[in-house]
Amino acid sequence: MARMTEELLQLPQELWSPARNEQGVIPAHVTIDQPLNRVRLSARGHIIAMQECYETELVSELGSVFVMYGATRHSTFSAGLNVYVKHAEEADITAGQDIVIEDSVRGSHLKAGRRIISESDKGRAIGGVLTAAERIELQALGSPAEISTEVNVLAPDGFIVCKQIYPGVSVSIGGLRRLFRKQGETGAFYRKICRQDKQLFTVVVLRQVEGDTVRYTPTGQPEVLLNH
């Protein structure tokens, strides 16, 4: 919540205005405290949806989109900065910078200009396609039902961090892809998946949070990740 409040202060306060321009875009920040059912809304500033979104499209040109409750059934969220979502099912989410997941996303397509991350111990992705330019950091990828889940980091020096990866999850870093065919280990430690030359490898890491900075300290020797 502190990070959200800080971000709300980054855009000029004169954007807090309800009037629409000639293109139908609200040149302002917008807060909606009611369920959204088949609604399309565009704004230049932040959009804060306090309740459930159903088949809804929210577009923020310069700010972020905050989906505080969740979204079901084919909603679309796009933001020049970040998208924060508690949970989403069958959604399309695009952010110029980060996508932040509080609980889970299921069967959704996510694309982030920087990172896809979770700031809670519940964040997971089940099914769908996740693509981030730099890194993806979640608690779990896939499910015990072995639902096909595609996870992509575009940068060759990017990485994926999680505690649990289930069978049916394919990971790609810099175009080099591996498919998990058996359940990965789980426990108190995170595992970091990286690329070196033409190999993907994992290493157990300790997650350290210092303010808004997250650091991962290796605690073992790297292990080459095969099609396993």
Protein backbone atom coordinates (compact mmCIF):
# COMPACT_ATOMS: atom_id res chain seq x y z
CA MET A 1 0.00 0.00 0.00
CA ALA A 2 2.90 2.39 0.73
CA ARG A 3 4.26 1.82 -2.76
CA MET A 4 0.81 2.49 -4.25
CA THR A 5 0.47 5.77 -2.28
CA GLU A 6 3.91 6.90 -3.40
CA GLU A 7 3.06 6.21 -7.02
CA LEU A 8 -0.19 8.17 -6.78
CA LEU A 9 1.84 11.25 -5.89
CA GLN A 10 4.08 11.02 -8.95
CA LEU A 11 1.58 12.45 -11.45
CA PRO A 12 0.52 16.14 -11.36
CA GLN A 13 -2.43 16.76 -9.06
CA GLU A 14 -4.13 18.90 -11.72
CA LEU A 15 -5.00 15.61 -13.41
CA TRP A 16 -7.71 15.11 -10.77
CA SER A 17 -10.59 16.28 -12.98
CA PRO A 18 -13.74 14.43 -14.17
CA ALA A 19 -14.11 16.02 -17.61
CA ARG A 20 -13.57 13.97 -20.77
CA ASN A 21 -11.76 15.34 -23.81
CA GLU A 22 -12.98 15.13 -27.40
CA GLN A 23 -11.57 11.61 -27.82
CA GLY A 24 -13.58 10.35 -24.84
CA VAL A 25 -10.46 10.04 -22.66
CA ILE A 26 -10.68 11.37 -19.12
CA PRO A 27 -7.67 13.74 -18.70
CA ALA A 28 -7.40 12.84 -15.03
CA HIS A 29 -7.04 10.24 -12.30
CA VAL A 30 -10.18 8.14 -11.80
CA THR A 31 -11.47 6.14 -8.82
CA ILE A 32 -14.49 3.84 -9.25
CA ASP A 33 -16.04 2.38 -6.10
CA GLN A 34 -18.60 0.07 -7.69
CA PRO A 35 -18.52 -3.20 -9.69
CA LEU A 36 -17.63 -2.75 -13.37
CA ASN A 37 -19.57 -4.90 -15.81
CA ARG A 38 -18.69 -4.60 -19.51
CA VAL A 39 -17.29 -1.10 -19.11
CA ARG A 40 -14.59 0.58 -21.23
CA LEU A 41 -12.72 3.45 -19.60
CA SER A 42 -9.66 5.41 -20.76
CA ALA A 43 -7.83 8.05 -18.72
CA ARG A 44 -4.54 9.92 -18.85
CA GLY A 45 -3.88 9.44 -15.15
CA HIS A 46 -4.29 6.55 -12.71
CA ILE A 47 -7.39 4.34 -12.73
CA ILE A 48 -8.36 2.75 -9.41
CA ALA A 49 -11.08 0.08 -9.56
CA MET A 50 -12.14 -0.69 -5.99
CA GLN A 51 -14.50 -3.59 -6.79
CA GLU A 52 -14.85 -6.55 -9.17
CA CYS A 53 -14.28 -6.09 -12.91
CA TYR A 54 -16.20 -8.27 -15.39
CA GLU A 55 -15.44 -8.08 -19.13
CA THR A 56 -14.06 -4.59 -18.53
CA GLU A 57 -11.34 -2.63 -20.33
CA LEU A 58 -9.30 -0.06 -18.38
CA VAL A 59 -6.59 1.97 -20.14
CA SER A 60 -4.28 4.46 -18.41
CA GLU A 61 -2.10 6.41 -20.83
CA LEU A 62 0.36 7.97 -18.37
CA GLY A 63 -0.38 6.34 -15.03
CA SER A 64 -1.15 2.96 -13.52
CA VAL A 65 -4.20 0.73 -13.24
CA PHE A 66 -5.10 -0.59 -9.77
CA VAL A 67 -7.58 -3.49 -9.67
CA MET A 68 -8.08 -3.71 -5.94
CA TYR A 69 -10.56 -6.59 -5.82
CA GLY A 70 -10.06 -8.66 -8.95
CA ALA A 71 -11.18 -9.40 -12.48
CA THR A 72 -12.97 -12.28 -14.20
CA ARG A 73 -13.96 -13.22 -17.72
CA HIS A 74 -11.95 -11.51 -20.42
CA SER A 75 -11.08 -8.15 -18.88
CA THR A 76 -8.28 -6.02 -20.36
CA PHE A 77 -5.97 -3.71 -18.42
CA SER A 78 -3.28 -1.53 -19.96
CA ALA A 79 -1.09 1.14 -18.36
CA GLY A 80 1.83 3.34 -19.32
CA LEU A 81 3.34 2.65 -15.89
CA ASN A 82 2.20 -0.33 -13.80
CA VAL A 83 -0.78 -2.63 -13.32
CA TYR A 84 -1.66 -3.87 -9.81
CA VAL A 85 -4.19 -6.71 -9.62
CA LYS A 86 -5.38 -8.80 -6.68
CA HIS A 87 -6.50 -11.70 -8.85
CA ALA A 88 -7.44 -12.13 -12.50
CA GLU A 89 -8.90 -14.90 -14.63
CA GLU A 90 -8.76 -14.97 -18.44
CA ALA A 91 -7.46 -11.39 -18.55
CA ASP A 92 -5.10 -9.50 -20.86
CA ILE A 93 -2.73 -7.28 -18.87
CA THR A 94 -0.09 -4.97 -20.36
CA ALA A 95 2.17 -2.56 -18.47
CA GLY A 96 4.95 -0.27 -19.62
CA GLN A 97 6.86 -1.10 -16.43
CA ASP A 98 5.68 -3.65 -13.84
CA ILE A 99 2.74 -5.99 -13.32
CA VAL A 100 2.17 -6.69 -9.62
CA ILE A 101 0.07 -9.73 -8.61
CA GLU A 102 -1.24 -9.98 -5.07
CA ASP A 103 -2.92 -13.41 -5.18
CA SER A 104 -3.07 -15.17 -8.55
CA VAL A 105 -3.63 -14.94 -12.29
CA ARG A 106 -5.24 -17.84 -14.16
CA GLY A 107 -5.40 -18.42 -17.90
CA SER A 108 -4.25 -14.87 -18.56
CA HIS A 109 -1.83 -13.13 -20.91
CA LEU A 110 0.58 -10.73 -19.20
CA LYS A 111 3.21 -8.51 -20.83
CA ALA A 112 5.44 -6.17 -18.82
CA GLY A 113 8.10 -3.72 -19.99
CA ARG A 114 10.18 -4.52 -16.88
CA ARG A 115 8.96 -7.08 -14.35
CA ILE A 116 6.11 -9.36 -13.33
CA ILE A 117 6.29 -9.67 -9.56
CA SER A 118 4.34 -10.35 -6.39
CA GLU A 119 4.65 -8.39 -3.18
CA SER A 120 2.89 -11.11 -1.14
CA ASP A 121 3.53 -14.77 -0.27
CA LYS A 122 0.53 -15.85 -2.39
CA GLY A 123 1.48 -14.66 -5.86
CA ARG A 124 1.13 -17.41 -8.45
CA ALA A 125 0.39 -17.86 -12.15
CA ILE A 126 -1.64 -20.82 -13.39
CA GLY A 127 -1.98 -21.27 -17.15
CA GLY A 128 -1.66 -18.55 -19.75
CA VAL A 129 1.44 -16.71 -20.98
CA LEU A 130 3.66 -14.38 -18.96
CA THR A 131 6.26 -12.21 -20.70
CA ALA A 132 8.55 -9.67 -19.03
CA ALA A 133 11.58 -7.85 -20.37
CA GLU A 134 13.80 -8.23 -17.29
CA ARG A 135 12.51 -10.66 -14.64
CA ILE A 136 9.60 -12.62 -13.21
CA GLU A 137 9.33 -13.14 -9.43
CA LEU A 138 6.41 -15.18 -8.07
CA GLN A 139 5.76 -17.76 -5.38
CA ALA A 140 4.56 -20.50 -7.75
CA LEU A 141 4.23 -21.23 -11.47
CA GLY A 142 1.66 -23.73 -12.76
CA SER A 143 -0.43 -26.10 -10.63
CA PRO A 144 -0.58 -29.78 -9.52
CA ALA A 145 -3.02 -30.32 -12.40
CA GLU A 146 -0.07 -29.71 -14.78
CA ILE A 147 -1.82 -26.89 -16.62
CA SER A 148 0.30 -25.59 -19.50
CA THR A 149 1.92 -22.29 -18.43
CA GLU A 150 4.42 -20.31 -20.52
CA VAL A 151 6.87 -18.00 -18.76
CA ASN A 152 9.19 -15.76 -20.79
CA VAL A 153 11.95 -13.32 -19.85
CA LEU A 154 13.24 -11.53 -22.94
CA ALA A 155 16.64 -10.33 -21.72
CA PRO A 156 19.43 -12.96 -21.87
CA ASP A 157 20.70 -11.66 -18.50
CA GLY A 158 17.22 -11.67 -16.97
CA PHE A 159 15.96 -14.28 -14.55
CA ILE A 160 12.97 -16.06 -12.99
CA VAL A 161 12.59 -16.55 -9.24
CA CYS A 162 10.01 -18.77 -7.53
CA LYS A 163 9.56 -21.36 -4.79
CA GLN A 164 7.55 -23.90 -6.77
CA ILE A 165 7.40 -24.90 -10.44
CA TYR A 166 4.92 -27.61 -11.47
CA PRO A 167 5.01 -29.96 -14.48
CA GLY A 168 3.64 -28.37 -17.64
CA VAL A 169 5.47 -25.08 -17.11
CA SER A 170 7.88 -23.96 -19.83
CA VAL A 171 10.40 -21.24 -19.06
CA SER A 172 12.37 -19.14 -21.52
CA ILE A 173 15.20 -16.67 -20.90
CA GLY A 174 16.59 -14.80 -23.87
CA GLY A 175 14.89 -17.24 -26.23
CA LEU A 176 16.34 -20.39 -24.63
CA ARG A 177 13.43 -22.59 -23.47
CA ARG A 178 13.04 -25.56 -21.13
CA LEU A 179 9.92 -27.56 -20.18
CA PHE A 180 9.38 -28.89 -16.69
CA ARG A 181 8.22 -32.51 -16.79
CA LYS A 182 8.43 -33.29 -13.09
CA GLN A 183 7.61 -31.29 -10.01
CA GLY A 184 10.36 -28.99 -8.87
CA GLU A 185 11.47 -28.89 -5.29
CA THR A 186 9.67 -26.70 -2.81
CA GLY A 187 10.50 -25.44 0.66
CA ALA A 188 11.68 -22.38 2.52
CA PHE A 189 14.08 -21.26 -0.22
CA TYR A 190 13.59 -19.61 -3.56
CA ARG A 191 15.16 -20.89 -6.75
CA LYS A 192 16.57 -18.54 -9.34
CA ILE A 193 16.60 -19.60 -12.99
CA CYS A 194 19.26 -17.86 -15.10
CA ARG A 195 20.93 -18.23 -18.46
CA GLN A 196 24.62 -18.66 -19.20
CA ASP A 197 25.63 -19.11 -22.83
CA LYS A 198 23.32 -21.84 -24.16
CA GLN A 199 22.28 -23.33 -20.83
CA LEU A 200 19.66 -22.53 -18.22
CA PHE A 201 20.61 -23.28 -14.65
CA THR A 202 19.07 -22.94 -11.20
CA VAL A 203 20.55 -21.93 -7.87
CA VAL A 204 18.97 -21.82 -4.41
CA VAL A 205 18.83 -18.23 -3.16
CA LEU A 206 17.91 -16.31 -0.03
CA ARG A 207 15.46 -13.46 -0.66
CA GLN A 208 16.40 -10.27 1.18
CA VAL A 209 14.16 -7.19 1.13
CA GLU A 210 15.69 -3.81 1.90
CA GLY A 211 13.05 -1.11 1.49
CA ASP A 212 11.85 -1.43 -2.12
CA THR A 213 14.99 -3.35 -3.13
CA VAL A 214 14.98 -7.15 -3.34
CA ARG A 215 18.31 -8.99 -3.35
CA TYR A 216 18.95 -12.69 -3.94
CA THR A 217 21.99 -14.27 -2.30
CA PRO A 218 23.11 -17.65 -3.75
CA THR A 219 23.33 -20.43 -1.16
CA GLY A 220 24.59 -23.30 -3.32
CA GLN A 221 26.24 -24.33 -6.56
CA PRO A 222 24.32 -23.77 -9.84
CA GLU A 223 22.64 -26.83 -11.32
CA VAL A 224 22.06 -27.12 -15.08
CA LEU A 225 18.37 -27.14 -15.91
CA LEU A 226 17.53 -29.86 -18.42
CA ASN A 227 14.22 -30.85 -20.06
CA HIS A 228 13.20 -32.67 -16.92
